[in-house]
C-alpha cells in the first residue's frame, strides 16, 4: 500500500569524470587566471589543499571529484607511455 502523502525523489548521480579531462580543464582554468598551473597542481597533489586550485570555471569542484592518487596516476601514465 502506497501512502498518498509520500513523495518519490530521483537523484541524478554525477557522471564519472576522466582524470585526463579534469587535469586539462583545471590546467586551462589556472592559466586563464594567471597562475602557474604546474606549481598549483603540484601544491594540490602534495598537500590535498583545494585552495591551490581556482574556483574559475568550476575547476576546484571538478578536481575534488577525483582522488589525488588518480590524478597522479594519470600524470605518470601520460609521461611514461607517450
PDB file of N, CA and C in Angstrom:
ATOM      1  N   UNK A   1       0.842  -1.178   0.000  1.00  0.00           N
ATOM      2  CA  UNK A   1       0.000   0.000   0.000  1.00  0.00           C
ATOM      3  C   UNK A   1       0.892   1.246   0.000  1.00  0.00           C
ATOM      4  N   UNK A   2       0.632   2.171  -0.887  1.00  0.00           N
ATOM      5  CA  UNK A   2       1.412   3.401  -1.016  1.00  0.00           C
ATOM      6  C   UNK A   2       0.696   4.529  -0.298  1.00  0.00           C
ATOM      7  N   UNK A   3       1.437   5.230   0.530  1.00  0.00           N
ATOM      8  CA  UNK A   3       0.900   6.392   1.237  1.00  0.00           C
ATOM      9  C   UNK A   3       0.735   7.530   0.229  1.00  0.00           C
ATOM     10  N   UNK A   4      -0.428   8.120   0.159  1.00  0.00           N
ATOM     11  CA  UNK A   4      -0.698   9.176  -0.814  1.00  0.00           C
ATOM     12  C   UNK A   4       0.093  10.447  -0.535  1.00  0.00           C
ATOM     13  N   UNK A   5       0.636  10.581   0.664  1.00  0.00           N
ATOM     14  CA  UNK A   5       1.414  11.769   1.021  1.00  0.00           C
ATOM     15  C   UNK A   5       2.908  11.580   0.815  1.00  0.00           C
ATOM     16  N   UNK A   6       3.307  10.398   0.392  1.00  0.00           N
ATOM     17  CA  UNK A   6       4.723  10.110   0.198  1.00  0.00           C
ATOM     18  C   UNK A   6       5.163  10.575  -1.186  1.00  0.00           C
ATOM     19  N   UNK A   7       6.262  11.287  -1.216  1.00  0.00           N
ATOM     20  CA  UNK A   7       6.826  11.761  -2.481  1.00  0.00           C
ATOM     21  C   UNK A   7       8.065  10.943  -2.799  1.00  0.00           C
ATOM     22  N   UNK A   8       8.256  10.635  -4.052  1.00  0.00           N
ATOM     23  CA  UNK A   8       9.438   9.902  -4.500  1.00  0.00           C
ATOM     24  C   UNK A   8      10.328  10.867  -5.266  1.00  0.00           C
ATOM     25  N   UNK A   9      11.567  10.976  -4.823  1.00  0.00           N
ATOM     26  CA  UNK A   9      12.531  11.839  -5.492  1.00  0.00           C
ATOM     27  C   UNK A   9      13.601  10.981  -6.122  1.00  0.00           C
ATOM     28  N   UNK A  10      13.973  11.340  -7.316  1.00  0.00           N
ATOM     29  CA  UNK A  10      15.056  10.646  -8.010  1.00  0.00           C
ATOM     30  C   UNK A  10      16.233  11.600  -8.112  1.00  0.00           C
ATOM     31  N   UNK A  11      17.367  11.171  -7.595  1.00  0.00           N
ATOM     32  CA  UNK A  11      18.566  11.998  -7.608  1.00  0.00           C
ATOM     33  C   UNK A  11      19.468  11.521  -8.731  1.00  0.00           C
ATOM     34  N   UNK A  12      19.837  12.444  -9.609  1.00  0.00           N
ATOM     35  CA  UNK A  12      20.769  12.099 -10.681  1.00  0.00           C
ATOM     36  C   UNK A  12      22.178  12.010 -10.112  1.00  0.00           C
ATOM     37  N   UNK A  13      22.834  10.942 -10.418  1.00  0.00           N
ATOM     38  CA  UNK A  13      24.218  10.768  -9.988  1.00  0.00           C
ATOM     39  C   UNK A  13      25.141  11.529 -10.932  1.00  0.00           C
ATOM     40  N   UNK A  14      26.249  12.032 -10.365  1.00  0.00           N
ATOM     41  CA  UNK A  14      27.223  12.725 -11.204  1.00  0.00           C
ATOM     42  C   UNK A  14      27.857  11.720 -12.152  1.00  0.00           C
ATOM     43  N   UNK A  15      28.065  12.164 -13.368  1.00  0.00           N
ATOM     44  CA  UNK A  15      28.729  11.298 -14.341  1.00  0.00           C
ATOM     45  C   UNK A  15      30.195  11.162 -13.958  1.00  0.00           C
ATOM     46  N   UNK A  16      30.774   9.978 -14.163  1.00  0.00           N
ATOM     47  CA  UNK A  16      32.199   9.819 -13.867  1.00  0.00           C
ATOM     48  C   UNK A  16      33.033  10.743 -14.755  1.00  0.00           C
ATOM     49  N   UNK A  17      34.106  11.227 -14.199  1.00  0.00           N
ATOM     50  CA  UNK A  17      34.984  12.114 -14.961  1.00  0.00           C
ATOM     51  C   UNK A  17      36.320  11.420 -15.188  1.00  0.00           C
ATOM     52  N   UNK A  18      36.919  11.715 -16.310  1.00  0.00           N
ATOM     53  CA  UNK A  18      38.218  11.148 -16.651  1.00  0.00           C
ATOM     54  C   UNK A  18      39.320  12.034 -16.083  1.00  0.00           C
ATOM     55  N   UNK A  19      40.322  11.437 -15.442  1.00  0.00           N
ATOM     56  CA  UNK A  19      41.411  12.227 -14.862  1.00  0.00           C
ATOM     57  C   UNK A  19      42.091  13.146 -15.879  1.00  0.00           C
ATOM     58  N   UNK A  20      42.293  12.658 -17.088  1.00  0.00           N
ATOM     59  CA  UNK A  20      42.965  13.474 -18.110  1.00  0.00           C
ATOM     60  C   UNK A  20      42.132  14.718 -18.428  1.00  0.00           C
ATOM     61  N   UNK A  21      40.826  14.536 -18.563  1.00  0.00           N
ATOM     62  CA  UNK A  21      39.931  15.652 -18.849  1.00  0.00           C
ATOM     63  C   UNK A  21      39.947  16.665 -17.711  1.00  0.00           C
ATOM     64  N   UNK A  22      39.945  16.167 -16.483  1.00  0.00           N
ATOM     65  CA  UNK A  22      39.990  17.038 -15.306  1.00  0.00           C
ATOM     66  C   UNK A  22      41.278  17.848 -15.308  1.00  0.00           C
ATOM     67  N   UNK A  23      42.404  17.177 -15.500  1.00  0.00           N
ATOM     68  CA  UNK A  23      43.690  17.872 -15.487  1.00  0.00           C
ATOM     69  C   UNK A  23      43.770  18.936 -16.581  1.00  0.00           C
ATOM     70  N   UNK A  24      43.301  18.610 -17.770  1.00  0.00           N
ATOM     71  CA  UNK A  24      43.338  19.573 -18.867  1.00  0.00           C
ATOM     72  C   UNK A  24      42.457  20.789 -18.575  1.00  0.00           C
ATOM     73  N   UNK A  25      41.277  20.544 -18.050  1.00  0.00           N
ATOM     74  CA  UNK A  25      40.351  21.629 -17.740  1.00  0.00           C
ATOM     75  C   UNK A  25      40.875  22.520 -16.621  1.00  0.00           C
ATOM     76  N   UNK A  26      41.369  21.898 -15.564  1.00  0.00           N
ATOM     77  CA  UNK A  26      41.899  22.661 -14.422  1.00  0.00           C
ATOM     78  C   UNK A  26      43.140  23.440 -14.849  1.00  0.00           C
ATOM     79  N   UNK A  27      43.993  22.807 -15.639  1.00  0.00           N
ATOM     80  CA  UNK A  27      45.194  23.478 -16.151  1.00  0.00           C
ATOM     81  C   UNK A  27      44.798  24.762 -16.898  1.00  0.00           C
ATOM     82  N   UNK A  28      43.811  24.642 -17.780  1.00  0.00           N
ATOM     83  CA  UNK A  28      43.370  25.791 -18.569  1.00  0.00           C
ATOM     84  C   UNK A  28      42.783  26.886 -17.678  1.00  0.00           C
ATOM     85  N   UNK A  29      42.004  26.506 -16.699  1.00  0.00           N
ATOM     86  CA  UNK A  29      41.404  27.489 -15.792  1.00  0.00           C
ATOM     87  C   UNK A  29      42.469  28.235 -14.998  1.00  0.00           C
ATOM     88  N   UNK A  30      43.465  27.499 -14.516  1.00  0.00           N
ATOM     89  CA  UNK A  30      44.563  28.138 -13.772  1.00  0.00           C
ATOM     90  C   UNK A  30      45.328  29.103 -14.671  1.00  0.00           C
ATOM     91  N   UNK A  31      45.577  28.678 -15.898  1.00  0.00           N
ATOM     92  CA  UNK A  31      46.303  29.511 -16.858  1.00  0.00           C
ATOM     93  C   UNK A  31      45.521  30.795 -17.159  1.00  0.00           C
ATOM     94  N   UNK A  32      44.204  30.657 -17.364  1.00  0.00           N
ATOM     95  CA  UNK A  32      43.353  31.822 -17.645  1.00  0.00           C
ATOM     96  C   UNK A  32      43.388  32.847 -16.513  1.00  0.00           C
ATOM     97  N   UNK A  33      43.522  32.372 -15.288  1.00  0.00           N
ATOM     98  CA  UNK A  33      43.548  33.276 -14.143  1.00  0.00           C
ATOM     99  C   UNK A  33      44.948  33.826 -13.851  1.00  0.00           C
ATOM    100  N   UNK A  34      45.936  33.410 -14.633  1.00  0.00           N
ATOM    101  CA  UNK A  34      47.280  33.954 -14.485  1.00  0.00           C
ATOM    102  C   UNK A  34      48.172  33.207 -13.509  1.00  0.00           C
ATOM    103  N   UNK A  35      47.741  32.028 -13.074  1.00  0.00           N
ATOM    104  CA  UNK A  35      48.560  31.220 -12.168  1.00  0.00           C
ATOM    105  C   UNK A  35      49.533  30.351 -12.959  1.00  0.00           C
ATOM    106  N   UNK A  36      50.547  29.851 -12.267  1.00  0.00           N
ATOM    107  CA  UNK A  36      51.430  28.848 -12.851  1.00  0.00           C
ATOM    108  C   UNK A  36      50.745  27.494 -12.614  1.00  0.00           C
ATOM    109  N   UNK A  37      50.130  26.918 -13.651  1.00  0.00           N
ATOM    110  CA  UNK A  37      49.332  25.711 -13.454  1.00  0.00           C
ATOM    111  C   UNK A  37      50.108  24.531 -12.881  1.00  0.00           C
ATOM    112  N   UNK A  38      51.337  24.362 -13.304  1.00  0.00           N
ATOM    113  CA  UNK A  38      52.137  23.234 -12.816  1.00  0.00           C
ATOM    114  C   UNK A  38      52.375  23.368 -11.313  1.00  0.00           C
ATOM    115  N   UNK A  39      52.783  24.540 -10.872  1.00  0.00           N
ATOM    116  CA  UNK A  39      53.030  24.760  -9.447  1.00  0.00           C
ATOM    117  C   UNK A  39      51.771  24.572  -8.617  1.00  0.00           C
ATOM    118  N   UNK A  40      50.656  25.078  -9.117  1.00  0.00           N
ATOM    119  CA  UNK A  40      49.399  24.964  -8.381  1.00  0.00           C
ATOM    120  C   UNK A  40      48.930  23.508  -8.298  1.00  0.00           C
ATOM    121  N   UNK A  41      49.040  22.779  -9.394  1.00  0.00           N
ATOM    122  CA  UNK A  41      48.641  21.366  -9.389  1.00  0.00           C
ATOM    123  C   UNK A  41      49.538  20.536  -8.476  1.00  0.00           C
ATOM    124  N   UNK A  42      50.827  20.806  -8.490  1.00  0.00           N
ATOM    125  CA  UNK A  42      51.747  20.096  -7.588  1.00  0.00           C
ATOM    126  C   UNK A  42      51.381  20.405  -6.138  1.00  0.00           C
ATOM    127  N   UNK A  43      51.124  21.664  -5.844  1.00  0.00           N
ATOM    128  CA  UNK A  43      50.724  22.049  -4.487  1.00  0.00           C
ATOM    129  C   UNK A  43      49.488  21.305  -4.039  1.00  0.00           C
ATOM    130  N   UNK A  44      48.514  21.203  -4.927  1.00  0.00           N
ATOM    131  CA  UNK A  44      47.285  20.489  -4.585  1.00  0.00           C
ATOM    132  C   UNK A  44      47.542  18.997  -4.376  1.00  0.00           C
ATOM    133  N   UNK A  45      48.258  18.377  -5.293  1.00  0.00           N
ATOM    134  CA  UNK A  45      48.512  16.933  -5.185  1.00  0.00           C
ATOM    135  C   UNK A  45      49.328  16.608  -3.941  1.00  0.00           C
ATOM    136  N   UNK A  46      50.311  17.424  -3.628  1.00  0.00           N
ATOM    137  CA  UNK A  46      51.167  17.163  -2.462  1.00  0.00           C
ATOM    138  C   UNK A  46      50.432  17.388  -1.139  1.00  0.00           C
ATOM    139  N   UNK A  47      49.615  18.431  -1.074  1.00  0.00           N
ATOM    140  CA  UNK A  47      49.007  18.803   0.211  1.00  0.00           C
ATOM    141  C   UNK A  47      47.550  18.359   0.370  1.00  0.00           C
ATOM    142  N   UNK A  48      46.848  18.239  -0.741  1.00  0.00           N
ATOM    143  CA  UNK A  48      45.421  17.942  -0.665  1.00  0.00           C
ATOM    144  C   UNK A  48      44.581  19.179  -0.383  1.00  0.00           C
ATOM    145  N   UNK A  49      45.216  20.324  -0.330  1.00  0.00           N
ATOM    146  CA  UNK A  49      44.514  21.581  -0.041  1.00  0.00           C
ATOM    147  C   UNK A  49      43.882  22.123  -1.326  1.00  0.00           C
ATOM    148  N   UNK A  50      42.565  22.106  -1.431  1.00  0.00           N
ATOM    149  CA  UNK A  50      41.917  22.537  -2.669  1.00  0.00           C
ATOM    150  C   UNK A  50      42.052  24.027  -2.976  1.00  0.00           C
ATOM    151  N   UNK A  51      42.521  24.818  -2.012  1.00  0.00           N
ATOM    152  CA  UNK A  51      42.671  26.249  -2.295  1.00  0.00           C
ATOM    153  C   UNK A  51      43.818  26.528  -3.267  1.00  0.00           C
ATOM    154  N   UNK A  52      44.612  25.526  -3.579  1.00  0.00           N
ATOM    155  CA  UNK A  52      45.625  25.693  -4.628  1.00  0.00           C
ATOM    156  C   UNK A  52      44.967  25.828  -5.999  1.00  0.00           C
ATOM    157  N   UNK A  53      43.715  25.390  -6.106  1.00  0.00           N
ATOM    158  CA  UNK A  53      43.007  25.387  -7.377  1.00  0.00           C
ATOM    159  C   UNK A  53      41.946  26.485  -7.371  1.00  0.00           C
ATOM    160  N   UNK A  54      41.917  27.256  -8.434  1.00  0.00           N
ATOM    161  CA  UNK A  54      40.957  28.357  -8.558  1.00  0.00           C
ATOM    162  C   UNK A  54      39.525  27.839  -8.675  1.00  0.00           C
ATOM    163  N   UNK A  55      38.581  28.677  -8.288  1.00  0.00           N
ATOM    164  CA  UNK A  55      37.170  28.368  -8.491  1.00  0.00           C
ATOM    165  C   UNK A  55      36.724  28.680  -9.922  1.00  0.00           C
ATOM    166  N   UNK A  56      37.558  29.380 -10.666  1.00  0.00           N
ATOM    167  CA  UNK A  56      37.247  29.785 -12.039  1.00  0.00           C
ATOM    168  C   UNK A  56      36.805  28.573 -12.866  1.00  0.00           C
ATOM    169  N   UNK A  57      35.681  28.701 -13.551  1.00  0.00           N
ATOM    170  CA  UNK A  57      35.108  27.637 -14.390  1.00  0.00           C
ATOM    171  C   UNK A  57      34.805  26.351 -13.619  1.00  0.00           C
ATOM    172  N   UNK A  58      34.653  26.442 -12.316  1.00  0.00           N
ATOM    173  CA  UNK A  58      34.331  25.255 -11.511  1.00  0.00           C
ATOM    174  C   UNK A  58      35.501  24.295 -11.355  1.00  0.00           C
ATOM    175  N   UNK A  59      36.726  24.791 -11.547  1.00  0.00           N
ATOM    176  CA  UNK A  59      37.913  23.926 -11.524  1.00  0.00           C
ATOM    177  C   UNK A  59      38.103  23.241 -10.174  1.00  0.00           C
ATOM    178  N   UNK A  60      37.907  23.957  -9.090  1.00  0.00           N
ATOM    179  CA  UNK A  60      38.116  23.365  -7.760  1.00  0.00           C
ATOM    180  C   UNK A  60      37.121  22.235  -7.507  1.00  0.00           C
ATOM    181  N   UNK A  61      35.896  22.475  -7.844  1.00  0.00           N
ATOM    182  CA  UNK A  61      34.864  21.446  -7.670  1.00  0.00           C
ATOM    183  C   UNK A  61      35.166  20.225  -8.535  1.00  0.00           C
ATOM    184  N   UNK A  62      35.617  20.473  -9.736  1.00  0.00           N
ATOM    185  CA  UNK A  62      35.923  19.392 -10.671  1.00  0.00           C
ATOM    186  C   UNK A  62      37.076  18.526 -10.170  1.00  0.00           C
ATOM    187  N   UNK A  63      38.155  19.157  -9.727  1.00  0.00           N
ATOM    188  CA  UNK A  63      39.331  18.381  -9.328  1.00  0.00           C
ATOM    189  C   UNK A  63      39.088  17.590  -8.046  1.00  0.00           C
ATOM    190  N   UNK A  64      38.218  18.079  -7.189  1.00  0.00           N
ATOM    191  CA  UNK A  64      37.965  17.357  -5.941  1.00  0.00           C
ATOM    192  C   UNK A  64      37.031  16.160  -6.136  1.00  0.00           C
ATOM    193  N   UNK A  65      36.514  15.971  -7.341  1.00  0.00           N
ATOM    194  CA  UNK A  65      35.701  14.786  -7.643  1.00  0.00           C
ATOM    195  C   UNK A  65      36.557  13.537  -7.813  1.00  0.00           C
ATOM    196  N   UNK A  66      37.863  13.720  -7.919  1.00  0.00           N
ATOM    197  CA  UNK A  66      38.785  12.596  -8.080  1.00  0.00           C
ATOM    198  C   UNK A  66      39.742  12.531  -6.897  1.00  0.00           C
ATOM    199  N   UNK A  67      40.230  11.328  -6.627  1.00  0.00           N
ATOM    200  CA  UNK A  67      41.287  11.173  -5.623  1.00  0.00           C
ATOM    201  C   UNK A  67      42.580  11.709  -6.203  1.00  0.00           C
ATOM    202  N   UNK A  68      43.407  12.242  -5.349  1.00  0.00           N
ATOM    203  CA  UNK A  68      44.713  12.739  -5.817  1.00  0.00           C
ATOM    204  C   UNK A  68      45.537  11.614  -6.418  1.00  0.00           C
ATOM    205  N   UNK A  69      45.365  10.392  -5.909  1.00  0.00           N
ATOM    206  CA  UNK A  69      46.090   9.247  -6.468  1.00  0.00           C
ATOM    207  C   UNK A  69      45.729   9.031  -7.933  1.00  0.00           C
ATOM    208  N   UNK A  70      44.460   9.216  -8.268  1.00  0.00           N
ATOM    209  CA  UNK A  70      44.021   9.055  -9.657  1.00  0.00           C
ATOM    210  C   UNK A  70      44.675  10.094 -10.559  1.00  0.00           C
ATOM    211  N   UNK A  71      44.795  11.312 -10.058  1.00  0.00           N
ATOM    212  CA  UNK A  71      45.431  12.375 -10.834  1.00  0.00           C
ATOM    213  C   UNK A  71      46.908  12.081 -11.053  1.00  0.00           C
ATOM    214  N   UNK A  72      47.571  11.654 -10.003  1.00  0.00           N
ATOM    215  CA  UNK A  72      48.988  11.345 -10.098  1.00  0.00           C
ATOM    216  C   UNK A  72      49.224  10.159 -11.036  1.00  0.00           C
ATOM    217  N   UNK A  73      48.364   9.163 -10.954  1.00  0.00           N
ATOM    218  CA  UNK A  73      48.466   8.010 -11.846  1.00  0.00           C
ATOM    219  C   UNK A  73      48.349   8.439 -13.310  1.00  0.00           C
ATOM    220  N   UNK A  74      47.436   9.352 -13.585  1.00  0.00           N
ATOM    221  CA  UNK A  74      47.258   9.836 -14.956  1.00  0.00           C
ATOM    222  C   UNK A  74      48.502  10.562 -15.456  1.00  0.00           C
ATOM    223  N   UNK A  75      49.112  11.344 -14.591  1.00  0.00           N
ATOM    224  CA  UNK A  75      50.336  12.058 -14.968  1.00  0.00           C
ATOM    225  C   UNK A  75      51.441  11.066 -15.318  1.00  0.00           C
ATOM    226  N   UNK A  76      51.622  10.053 -14.474  1.00  0.00           N
ATOM    227  CA  UNK A  76      52.659   9.057 -14.739  1.00  0.00           C
ATOM    228  C   UNK A  76      52.366   8.271 -16.002  1.00  0.00           C
ATOM    229  N   UNK A  77      51.120   7.892 -16.219  1.00  0.00           N
ATOM    230  CA  UNK A  77      50.760   7.155 -17.449  1.00  0.00           C
ATOM    231  C   UNK A  77      51.103   7.984 -18.674  1.00  0.00           C
ATOM    232  N   UNK A  78      50.718   9.235 -18.648  1.00  0.00           N
ATOM    233  CA  UNK A  78      50.963  10.107 -19.792  1.00  0.00           C
ATOM    234  C   UNK A  78      52.477  10.250 -20.038  1.00  0.00           C
ATOM    235  N   UNK A  79      53.206  10.503 -18.973  1.00  0.00           N
ATOM    236  CA  UNK A  79      54.643  10.753 -19.100  1.00  0.00           C
ATOM    237  C   UNK A  79      55.401   9.500 -19.536  1.00  0.00           C
ATOM    238  N   UNK A  80      55.067   8.374 -18.974  1.00  0.00           N
ATOM    239  CA  UNK A  80      55.831   7.152 -19.237  1.00  0.00           C
ATOM    240  C   UNK A  80      55.372   6.379 -20.472  1.00  0.00           C
ATOM    241  N   UNK A  81      54.110   6.541 -20.870  1.00  0.00           N
ATOM    242  CA  UNK A  81      53.617   5.774 -22.006  1.00  0.00           C
ATOM    243  C   UNK A  81      53.664   6.544 -23.324  1.00  0.00           C
ATOM    244  N   UNK A  82      53.796   7.844 -23.278  1.00  0.00           N
ATOM    245  CA  UNK A  82      53.773   8.606 -24.529  1.00  0.00           C
ATOM    246  C   UNK A  82      55.114   9.156 -24.886  1.00  0.00           C
TER     247      UNK A  82
END
